[in-house]
Amino acid sequence: MSTTEKKPKKAAKKTAGGEEKTPAAPAVKATSTPKSGSAKSSNEAASSKSRREPSHEEVSSLAHRFFEQRGRQHGSHEQDWFRAERELAAIP
């Protein structure tokens, strides 16, 4: 048979009004890590390796193709540009 020692519990203190007050847990000081531009988390580093950054010319060419597919109607150039960026970034 093995015996294990148990730590005694701290006794509750009574306040002047007769109420029991249990001791508070020690405060834990929050630590922060310095944030630098070159430091990336492991998730960011892994995801940036799988994505490629398309060139301006590639995005422009694909966005123009989307513009032509829509019948050359003006007013949606930003949507075409963002769609082209998304699609090109998804290509490994």
PDB file of N, CA and C in Angstrom:
ATOM      1  N   MET A   1       0.829  -1.188   0.000  1.00  0.00           N
ATOM      2  CA  MET A   1       0.000   0.000   0.000  1.00  0.00           C
ATOM      3  C   MET A   1       0.870   1.246   0.000  1.00  0.00           C
ATOM      4  N   SER A   2       0.547   2.174  -0.874  1.00  0.00           N
ATOM      5  CA  SER A   2       1.319   3.415  -0.898  1.00  0.00           C
ATOM      6  C   SER A   2       0.503   4.503  -0.234  1.00  0.00           C
ATOM      7  N   THR A   3       1.193   5.358   0.418  1.00  0.00           N
ATOM      8  CA  THR A   3       0.502   6.472   1.075  1.00  0.00           C
ATOM      9  C   THR A   3       0.872   7.755   0.364  1.00  0.00           C
ATOM     10  N   THR A   4      -0.113   8.566   0.161  1.00  0.00           N
ATOM     11  CA  THR A   4       0.126   9.866  -0.445  1.00  0.00           C
ATOM     12  C   THR A   4      -0.273  10.934   0.535  1.00  0.00           C
ATOM     13  N   GLU A   5       0.526  11.961   0.541  1.00  0.00           N
ATOM     14  CA  GLU A   5       0.225  13.059   1.450  1.00  0.00           C
ATOM     15  C   GLU A   5      -0.683  14.061   0.749  1.00  0.00           C
ATOM     16  N   LYS A   6      -1.637  14.535   1.500  1.00  0.00           N
ATOM     17  CA  LYS A   6      -2.520  15.566   0.975  1.00  0.00           C
ATOM     18  C   LYS A   6      -2.134  16.893   1.607  1.00  0.00           C
ATOM     19  N   LYS A   7      -2.163  17.919   0.773  1.00  0.00           N
ATOM     20  CA  LYS A   7      -1.858  19.240   1.294  1.00  0.00           C
ATOM     21  C   LYS A   7      -3.064  19.741   2.069  1.00  0.00           C
ATOM     22  N   PRO A   8      -2.828  20.342   3.215  1.00  0.00           N
ATOM     23  CA  PRO A   8      -3.969  20.853   3.978  1.00  0.00           C
ATOM     24  C   PRO A   8      -4.598  22.036   3.246  1.00  0.00           C
ATOM     25  N   LYS A   9      -5.907  22.100   3.305  1.00  0.00           N
ATOM     26  CA  LYS A   9      -6.629  23.213   2.687  1.00  0.00           C
ATOM     27  C   LYS A   9      -6.485  24.438   3.562  1.00  0.00           C
ATOM     28  N   LYS A  10      -6.470  25.591   2.909  1.00  0.00           N
ATOM     29  CA  LYS A  10      -6.405  26.824   3.670  1.00  0.00           C
ATOM     30  C   LYS A  10      -7.756  27.069   4.306  1.00  0.00           C
ATOM     31  N   ALA A  11      -7.718  27.460   5.523  1.00  0.00           N
ATOM     32  CA  ALA A  11      -8.960  27.685   6.261  1.00  0.00           C
ATOM     33  C   ALA A  11      -9.605  28.982   5.815  1.00  0.00           C
ATOM     34  N   ALA A  12     -10.916  28.984   5.816  1.00  0.00           N
ATOM     35  CA  ALA A  12     -11.661  30.184   5.464  1.00  0.00           C
ATOM     36  C   ALA A  12     -11.602  31.151   6.629  1.00  0.00           C
ATOM     37  N   LYS A  13     -11.429  32.412   6.321  1.00  0.00           N
ATOM     38  CA  LYS A  13     -11.364  33.433   7.369  1.00  0.00           C
ATOM     39  C   LYS A  13     -12.736  34.055   7.532  1.00  0.00           C
ATOM     40  N   LYS A  14     -13.032  34.449   8.729  1.00  0.00           N
ATOM     41  CA  LYS A  14     -14.310  35.104   8.992  1.00  0.00           C
ATOM     42  C   LYS A  14     -14.089  36.604   9.017  1.00  0.00           C
ATOM     43  N   THR A  15     -14.993  37.313   8.336  1.00  0.00           N
ATOM     44  CA  THR A  15     -14.905  38.768   8.314  1.00  0.00           C
ATOM     45  C   THR A  15     -15.548  39.323   9.566  1.00  0.00           C
ATOM     46  N   ALA A  16     -15.459  40.624   9.712  1.00  0.00           N
ATOM     47  CA  ALA A  16     -16.022  41.277  10.902  1.00  0.00           C
ATOM     48  C   ALA A  16     -17.523  41.047  10.992  1.00  0.00           C
ATOM     49  N   GLY A  17     -18.180  40.864   9.847  1.00  0.00           N
ATOM     50  CA  GLY A  17     -19.625  40.659   9.839  1.00  0.00           C
ATOM     51  C   GLY A  17     -19.996  39.203  10.097  1.00  0.00           C
ATOM     52  N   GLY A  18     -19.025  38.306  10.280  1.00  0.00           N
ATOM     53  CA  GLY A  18     -19.312  36.918  10.546  1.00  0.00           C
ATOM     54  C   GLY A  18     -19.386  36.054   9.295  1.00  0.00           C
ATOM     55  N   GLU A  19     -19.167  36.658   8.109  1.00  0.00           N
ATOM     56  CA  GLU A  19     -19.209  35.891   6.871  1.00  0.00           C
ATOM     57  C   GLU A  19     -17.866  35.200   6.655  1.00  0.00           C
ATOM     58  N   GLU A  20     -17.925  34.023   6.047  1.00  0.00           N
ATOM     59  CA  GLU A  20     -16.687  33.314   5.748  1.00  0.00           C
ATOM     60  C   GLU A  20     -16.123  33.823   4.425  1.00  0.00           C
ATOM     61  N   LYS A  21     -14.829  34.031   4.422  1.00  0.00           N
ATOM     62  CA  LYS A  21     -14.161  34.505   3.217  1.00  0.00           C
ATOM     63  C   LYS A  21     -13.045  33.523   2.902  1.00  0.00           C
ATOM     64  N   THR A  22     -13.115  32.928   1.707  1.00  0.00           N
ATOM     65  CA  THR A  22     -12.070  31.985   1.315  1.00  0.00           C
ATOM     66  C   THR A  22     -10.923  32.754   0.693  1.00  0.00           C
ATOM     67  N   PRO A  23      -9.726  32.253   0.860  1.00  0.00           N
ATOM     68  CA  PRO A  23      -8.586  32.958   0.268  1.00  0.00           C
ATOM     69  C   PRO A  23      -8.665  32.941  -1.256  1.00  0.00           C
ATOM     70  N   ALA A  24      -8.276  34.045  -1.857  1.00  0.00           N
ATOM     71  CA  ALA A  24      -8.318  34.172  -3.308  1.00  0.00           C
ATOM     72  C   ALA A  24      -7.137  33.439  -3.929  1.00  0.00           C
ATOM     73  N   ALA A  25      -7.349  32.979  -5.133  1.00  0.00           N
ATOM     74  CA  ALA A  25      -6.261  32.327  -5.856  1.00  0.00           C
ATOM     75  C   ALA A  25      -5.229  33.391  -6.210  1.00  0.00           C
ATOM     76  N   PRO A  26      -3.966  33.007  -6.236  1.00  0.00           N
ATOM     77  CA  PRO A  26      -2.935  33.994  -6.562  1.00  0.00           C
ATOM     78  C   PRO A  26      -3.129  34.525  -7.985  1.00  0.00           C
ATOM     79  N   ALA A  27      -2.888  35.809  -8.128  1.00  0.00           N
ATOM     80  CA  ALA A  27      -3.058  36.445  -9.438  1.00  0.00           C
ATOM     81  C   ALA A  27      -1.955  35.967 -10.377  1.00  0.00           C
ATOM     82  N   VAL A  28      -2.338  35.682 -11.593  1.00  0.00           N
ATOM     83  CA  VAL A  28      -1.378  35.256 -12.601  1.00  0.00           C
ATOM     84  C   VAL A  28      -1.104  36.436 -13.509  1.00  0.00           C
ATOM     85  N   LYS A  29       0.158  36.768 -13.643  1.00  0.00           N
ATOM     86  CA  LYS A  29       0.520  37.896 -14.491  1.00  0.00           C
ATOM     87  C   LYS A  29       0.513  37.445 -15.937  1.00  0.00           C
ATOM     88  N   ALA A  30      -0.207  38.170 -16.760  1.00  0.00           N
ATOM     89  CA  ALA A  30      -0.284  37.839 -18.182  1.00  0.00           C
ATOM     90  C   ALA A  30       1.011  38.260 -18.857  1.00  0.00           C
ATOM     91  N   THR A  31       1.516  37.383 -19.683  1.00  0.00           N
ATOM     92  CA  THR A  31       2.725  37.720 -20.426  1.00  0.00           C
ATOM     93  C   THR A  31       2.355  37.898 -21.880  1.00  0.00           C
ATOM     94  N   SER A  32       3.015  38.785 -22.519  1.00  0.00           N
ATOM     95  CA  SER A  32       2.762  38.992 -23.936  1.00  0.00           C
ATOM     96  C   SER A  32       4.060  38.809 -24.688  1.00  0.00           C
ATOM     97  N   THR A  33       3.928  38.338 -25.885  1.00  0.00           N
ATOM     98  CA  THR A  33       5.104  38.170 -26.710  1.00  0.00           C
ATOM     99  C   THR A  33       5.264  39.400 -27.578  1.00  0.00           C
ATOM    100  N   PRO A  34       6.479  39.801 -27.811  1.00  0.00           N
ATOM    101  CA  PRO A  34       6.668  40.977 -28.659  1.00  0.00           C
ATOM    102  C   PRO A  34       6.229  40.677 -30.081  1.00  0.00           C
ATOM    103  N   LYS A  35       5.566  41.628 -30.670  1.00  0.00           N
ATOM    104  CA  LYS A  35       5.071  41.442 -32.030  1.00  0.00           C
ATOM    105  C   LYS A  35       6.015  42.163 -32.974  1.00  0.00           C
ATOM    106  N   SER A  36       6.624  41.389 -33.824  1.00  0.00           N
ATOM    107  CA  SER A  36       7.486  42.001 -34.820  1.00  0.00           C
ATOM    108  C   SER A  36       6.955  41.646 -36.196  1.00  0.00           C
ATOM    109  N   GLY A  37       7.325  42.419 -37.157  1.00  0.00           N
ATOM    110  CA  GLY A  37       6.847  42.207 -38.513  1.00  0.00           C
ATOM    111  C   GLY A  37       7.345  40.905 -39.111  1.00  0.00           C
ATOM    112  N   SER A  38       8.517  40.436 -38.658  1.00  0.00           N
ATOM    113  CA  SER A  38       9.077  39.235 -39.264  1.00  0.00           C
ATOM    114  C   SER A  38       8.598  37.958 -38.586  1.00  0.00           C
ATOM    115  N   ALA A  39       8.080  38.050 -37.384  1.00  0.00           N
ATOM    116  CA  ALA A  39       7.634  36.847 -36.679  1.00  0.00           C
ATOM    117  C   ALA A  39       6.226  36.479 -37.112  1.00  0.00           C
ATOM    118  N   LYS A  40       6.045  35.211 -37.515  1.00  0.00           N
ATOM    119  CA  LYS A  40       4.728  34.725 -37.923  1.00  0.00           C
ATOM    120  C   LYS A  40       4.407  33.484 -37.104  1.00  0.00           C
ATOM    121  N   SER A  41       3.124  33.271 -36.861  1.00  0.00           N
ATOM    122  CA  SER A  41       2.724  32.051 -36.185  1.00  0.00           C
ATOM    123  C   SER A  41       2.893  30.880 -37.136  1.00  0.00           C
ATOM    124  N   SER A  42       2.862  29.672 -36.604  1.00  0.00           N
ATOM    125  CA  SER A  42       3.051  28.501 -37.458  1.00  0.00           C
ATOM    126  C   SER A  42       1.927  28.367 -38.478  1.00  0.00           C
ATOM    127  N   ASN A  43       0.708  28.787 -38.121  1.00  0.00           N
ATOM    128  CA  ASN A  43      -0.406  28.725 -39.074  1.00  0.00           C
ATOM    129  C   ASN A  43      -0.209  29.710 -40.219  1.00  0.00           C
ATOM    130  N   GLU A  44       0.268  30.900 -39.898  1.00  0.00           N
ATOM    131  CA  GLU A  44       0.490  31.893 -40.945  1.00  0.00           C
ATOM    132  C   GLU A  44       1.600  31.448 -41.879  1.00  0.00           C
ATOM    133  N   ALA A  45       2.661  30.900 -41.312  1.00  0.00           N
ATOM    134  CA  ALA A  45       3.786  30.462 -42.136  1.00  0.00           C
ATOM    135  C   ALA A  45       3.367  29.325 -43.060  1.00  0.00           C
ATOM    136  N   ALA A  46       2.562  28.392 -42.552  1.00  0.00           N
ATOM    137  CA  ALA A  46       2.135  27.255 -43.370  1.00  0.00           C
ATOM    138  C   ALA A  46       1.183  27.704 -44.471  1.00  0.00           C
ATOM    139  N   SER A  47       0.288  28.635 -44.146  1.00  0.00           N
ATOM    140  CA  SER A  47      -0.677  29.056 -45.161  1.00  0.00           C
ATOM    141  C   SER A  47      -0.032  29.944 -46.213  1.00  0.00           C
ATOM    142  N   SER A  48       0.994  30.698 -45.841  1.00  0.00           N
ATOM    143  CA  SER A  48       1.625  31.565 -46.829  1.00  0.00           C
ATOM    144  C   SER A  48       2.447  30.758 -47.824  1.00  0.00           C
ATOM    145  N   LYS A  49       2.910  29.575 -47.431  1.00  0.00           N
ATOM    146  CA  LYS A  49       3.654  28.735 -48.358  1.00  0.00           C
ATOM    147  C   LYS A  49       2.739  28.154 -49.425  1.00  0.00           C
ATOM    148  N   SER A  50       1.480  27.875 -49.077  1.00  0.00           N
ATOM    149  CA  SER A  50       0.568  27.257 -50.028  1.00  0.00           C
ATOM    150  C   SER A  50      -0.038  28.282 -50.989  1.00  0.00           C
ATOM    151  N   ARG A  51      -0.010  29.549 -50.647  1.00  0.00           N
ATOM    152  CA  ARG A  51      -0.559  30.585 -51.524  1.00  0.00           C
ATOM    153  C   ARG A  51       0.569  31.252 -52.294  1.00  0.00           C
ATOM    154  N   ARG A  52       0.235  31.643 -53.522  1.00  0.00           N
ATOM    155  CA  ARG A  52       1.216  32.408 -54.266  1.00  0.00           C
ATOM    156  C   ARG A  52       0.665  33.804 -54.492  1.00  0.00           C
ATOM    157  N   GLU A  53       1.531  34.732 -54.649  1.00  0.00           N
ATOM    158  CA  GLU A  53       1.127  36.105 -54.884  1.00  0.00           C
ATOM    159  C   GLU A  53       1.115  36.359 -56.388  1.00  0.00           C
ATOM    160  N   PRO A  54      -0.072  36.541 -56.985  1.00  0.00           N
ATOM    161  CA  PRO A  54      -0.138  36.777 -58.427  1.00  0.00           C
ATOM    162  C   PRO A  54       0.408  38.169 -58.765  1.00  0.00           C
ATOM    163  N   SER A  55       0.983  38.297 -59.937  1.00  0.00           N
ATOM    164  CA  SER A  55       1.515  39.590 -60.366  1.00  0.00           C
ATOM    165  C   SER A  55       0.366  40.519 -60.777  1.00  0.00           C
ATOM    166  N   HIS A  56       0.684  41.796 -60.844  1.00  0.00           N
ATOM    167  CA  HIS A  56      -0.308  42.797 -61.240  1.00  0.00           C
ATOM    168  C   HIS A  56      -0.819  42.515 -62.654  1.00  0.00           C
ATOM    169  N   GLU A  57       0.089  42.117 -63.516  1.00  0.00           N
ATOM    170  CA  GLU A  57      -0.286  41.845 -64.903  1.00  0.00           C
ATOM    171  C   GLU A  57      -1.236  40.650 -65.008  1.00  0.00           C
ATOM    172  N   GLU A  58      -0.979  39.605 -64.203  1.00  0.00           N
ATOM    173  CA  GLU A  58      -1.852  38.421 -64.216  1.00  0.00           C
ATOM    174  C   GLU A  58      -3.265  38.790 -63.767  1.00  0.00           C
ATOM    175  N   VAL A  59      -3.348  39.543 -62.677  1.00  0.00           N
ATOM    176  CA  VAL A  59      -4.657  39.941 -62.145  1.00  0.00           C
ATOM    177  C   VAL A  59      -5.376  40.833 -63.145  1.00  0.00           C
ATOM    178  N   SER A  60      -4.653  41.773 -63.714  1.00  0.00           N
ATOM    179  CA  SER A  60      -5.246  42.693 -64.680  1.00  0.00           C
ATOM    180  C   SER A  60      -5.801  41.954 -65.895  1.00  0.00           C
ATOM    181  N   SER A  61      -5.025  41.007 -66.395  1.00  0.00           N
ATOM    182  CA  SER A  61      -5.451  40.256 -67.575  1.00  0.00           C
ATOM    183  C   SER A  61      -6.707  39.433 -67.293  1.00  0.00           C
ATOM    184  N   LEU A  62      -6.727  38.745 -66.154  1.00  0.00           N
ATOM    185  CA  LEU A  62      -7.889  37.924 -65.820  1.00  0.00           C
ATOM    186  C   LEU A  62      -9.112  38.793 -65.526  1.00  0.00           C
ATOM    187  N   ALA A  63      -8.917  39.917 -64.841  1.00  0.00           N
ATOM    188  CA  ALA A  63     -10.035  40.819 -64.552  1.00  0.00           C
ATOM    189  C   ALA A  63     -10.622  41.371 -65.856  1.00  0.00           C
ATOM    190  N   HIS A  64      -9.767  41.658 -66.823  1.00  0.00           N
ATOM    191  CA  HIS A  64     -10.258  42.144 -68.115  1.00  0.00           C
ATOM    192  C   HIS A  64     -11.056  41.054 -68.834  1.00  0.00           C
ATOM    193  N   ARG A  65     -10.608  39.822 -68.699  1.00  0.00           N
ATOM    194  CA  ARG A  65     -11.344  38.703 -69.306  1.00  0.00           C
ATOM    195  C   ARG A  65     -12.737  38.587 -68.682  1.00  0.00           C
ATOM    196  N   PHE A  66     -12.834  38.756 -67.346  1.00  0.00           N
ATOM    197  CA  PHE A  66     -14.142  38.719 -66.680  1.00  0.00           C
ATOM    198  C   PHE A  66     -15.028  39.866 -67.179  1.00  0.00           C
ATOM    199  N   PHE A  67     -14.424  41.036 -67.377  1.00  0.00           N
ATOM    200  CA  PHE A  67     -15.145  42.198 -67.898  1.00  0.00           C
ATOM    201  C   PHE A  67     -15.732  41.893 -69.276  1.00  0.00           C
ATOM    202  N   GLU A  68     -14.939  41.253 -70.114  1.00  0.00           N
ATOM    203  CA  GLU A  68     -15.423  40.904 -71.449  1.00  0.00           C
ATOM    204  C   GLU A  68     -16.518  39.847 -71.395  1.00  0.00           C
ATOM    205  N   GLN A  69     -16.390  38.885 -70.473  1.00  0.00           N
ATOM    206  CA  GLN A  69     -17.406  37.840 -70.333  1.00  0.00           C
ATOM    207  C   GLN A  69     -18.739  38.427 -69.884  1.00  0.00           C
ATOM    208  N   ARG A  70     -18.693  39.521 -69.161  1.00  0.00           N
ATOM    209  CA  ARG A  70     -19.930  40.174 -68.707  1.00  0.00           C
ATOM    210  C   ARG A  70     -20.507  41.089 -69.782  1.00  0.00           C
ATOM    211  N   GLY A  71     -19.971  41.062 -70.971  1.00  0.00           N
ATOM    212  CA  GLY A  71     -20.508  41.889 -72.049  1.00  0.00           C
ATOM    213  C   GLY A  71     -19.968  43.304 -72.038  1.00  0.00           C
ATOM    214  N   ARG A  72     -18.794  43.507 -71.428  1.00  0.00           N
ATOM    215  CA  ARG A  72     -18.121  44.811 -71.380  1.00  0.00           C
ATOM    216  C   ARG A  72     -18.972  45.881 -70.692  1.00  0.00           C
ATOM    217  N   GLN A  73     -19.785  45.459 -69.734  1.00  0.00           N
ATOM    218  CA  GLN A  73     -20.601  46.411 -68.978  1.00  0.00           C
ATOM    219  C   GLN A  73     -19.756  46.997 -67.850  1.00  0.00           C
ATOM    220  N   HIS A  74     -19.761  48.307 -67.751  1.00  0.00           N
ATOM    221  CA  HIS A  74     -18.982  49.010 -66.734  1.00  0.00           C
ATOM    222  C   HIS A  74     -19.702  48.998 -65.387  1.00  0.00           C
ATOM    223  N   GLY A  75     -18.918  49.251 -64.331  1.00  0.00           N
ATOM    224  CA  GLY A  75     -19.498  49.382 -62.995  1.00  0.00           C
ATOM    225  C   GLY A  75     -19.157  48.250 -62.044  1.00  0.00           C
ATOM    226  N   SER A  76     -18.502  47.206 -62.521  1.00  0.00           N
ATOM    227  CA  SER A  76     -18.175  46.084 -61.632  1.00  0.00           C
ATOM    228  C   SER A  76     -16.678  45.747 -61.677  1.00  0.00           C
ATOM    229  N   HIS A  77     -15.854  46.743 -61.929  1.00  0.00           N
ATOM    230  CA  HIS A  77     -14.431  46.487 -62.082  1.00  0.00           C
ATOM    231  C   HIS A  77     -13.769  45.988 -60.801  1.00  0.00           C
ATOM    232  N   GLU A  78     -14.234  46.474 -59.648  1.00  0.00           N
ATOM    233  CA  GLU A  78     -13.648  46.011 -58.390  1.00  0.00           C
ATOM    234  C   GLU A  78     -13.967  44.537 -58.146  1.00  0.00           C
ATOM    235  N   GLN A  79     -15.199  44.132 -58.418  1.00  0.00           N
ATOM    236  CA  GLN A  79     -15.574  42.733 -58.244  1.00  0.00           C
ATOM    237  C   GLN A  79     -14.742  41.843 -59.175  1.00  0.00           C
ATOM    238  N   ASP A  80     -14.536  42.306 -60.421  1.00  0.00           N
ATOM    239  CA  ASP A  80     -13.709  41.543 -61.358  1.00  0.00           C
ATOM    240  C   ASP A  80     -12.280  41.408 -60.840  1.00  0.00           C
ATOM    241  N   TRP A  81     -11.746  42.494 -60.320  1.00  0.00           N
ATOM    242  CA  TRP A  81     -10.364  42.492 -59.829  1.00  0.00           C
ATOM    243  C   TRP A  81     -10.219  41.535 -58.640  1.00  0.00           C
ATOM    244  N   PHE A  82     -11.117  41.639 -57.658  1.00  0.00           N
ATOM    245  CA  PHE A  82     -11.026  40.784 -56.471  1.00  0.00           C
ATOM    246  C   PHE A  82     -11.255  39.319 -56.816  1.00  0.00           C
ATOM    247  N   ARG A  83     -12.146  39.059 -57.741  1.00  0.00           N
ATOM    248  CA  ARG A  83     -12.383  37.678 -58.189  1.00  0.00           C
ATOM    249  C   ARG A  83     -11.113  37.122 -58.847  1.00  0.00           C
ATOM    250  N   ALA A  84     -10.462  37.937 -59.668  1.00  0.00           N
ATOM    251  CA  ALA A  84      -9.230  37.512 -60.328  1.00  0.00           C
ATOM    252  C   ALA A  84      -8.135  37.233 -59.293  1.00  0.00           C
ATOM    253  N   GLU A  85      -8.010  38.089 -58.285  1.00  0.00           N
ATOM    254  CA  GLU A  85      -7.017  37.869 -57.223  1.00  0.00           C
ATOM    255  C   GLU A  85      -7.275  36.556 -56.495  1.00  0.00           C
ATOM    256  N   ARG A  86      -8.551  36.310 -56.132  1.00  0.00           N
ATOM    257  CA  ARG A  86      -8.888  35.073 -55.422  1.00  0.00           C
ATOM    258  C   ARG A  86      -8.569  33.848 -56.238  1.00  0.00           C
ATOM    259  N   GLU A  87      -8.974  33.871 -57.502  1.00  0.00           N
ATOM    260  CA  GLU A  87      -8.772  32.699 -58.353  1.00  0.00           C
ATOM    261  C   GLU A  87      -7.295  32.428 -58.622  1.00  0.00           C
ATOM    262  N   LEU A  88      -6.525  33.489 -58.821  1.00  0.00           N
ATOM    263  CA  LEU A  88      -5.095  33.290 -59.070  1.00  0.00           C
ATOM    264  C   LEU A  88      -4.351  32.862 -57.808  1.00  0.00           C
ATOM    265  N   ALA A  89      -4.783  33.342 -56.656  1.00  0.00           N
ATOM    266  CA  ALA A  89      -4.142  32.957 -55.392  1.00  0.00           C
ATOM    267  C   ALA A  89      -4.421  31.503 -55.061  1.00  0.00           C
ATOM    268  N   ALA A  90      -5.526  30.963 -55.557  1.00  0.00           N
ATOM    269  CA  ALA A  90      -5.892  29.573 -55.262  1.00  0.00           C
ATOM    270  C   ALA A  90      -5.089  28.582 -56.096  1.00  0.00           C
ATOM    271  N   ILE A  91      -4.468  29.064 -57.168  1.00  0.00           N
ATOM    272  CA  ILE A  91      -3.670  28.185 -58.022  1.00  0.00           C
ATOM    273  C   ILE A  91      -2.337  27.942 -57.337  1.00  0.00           C
ATOM    274  N   PRO A  92      -1.963  26.673 -57.108  1.00  0.00           N
ATOM    275  CA  PRO A  92      -0.679  26.403 -56.423  1.00  0.00           C
ATOM    276  C   PRO A  92       0.531  26.745 -57.235  1.00  0.00           C
TER     277      PRO A  92
END
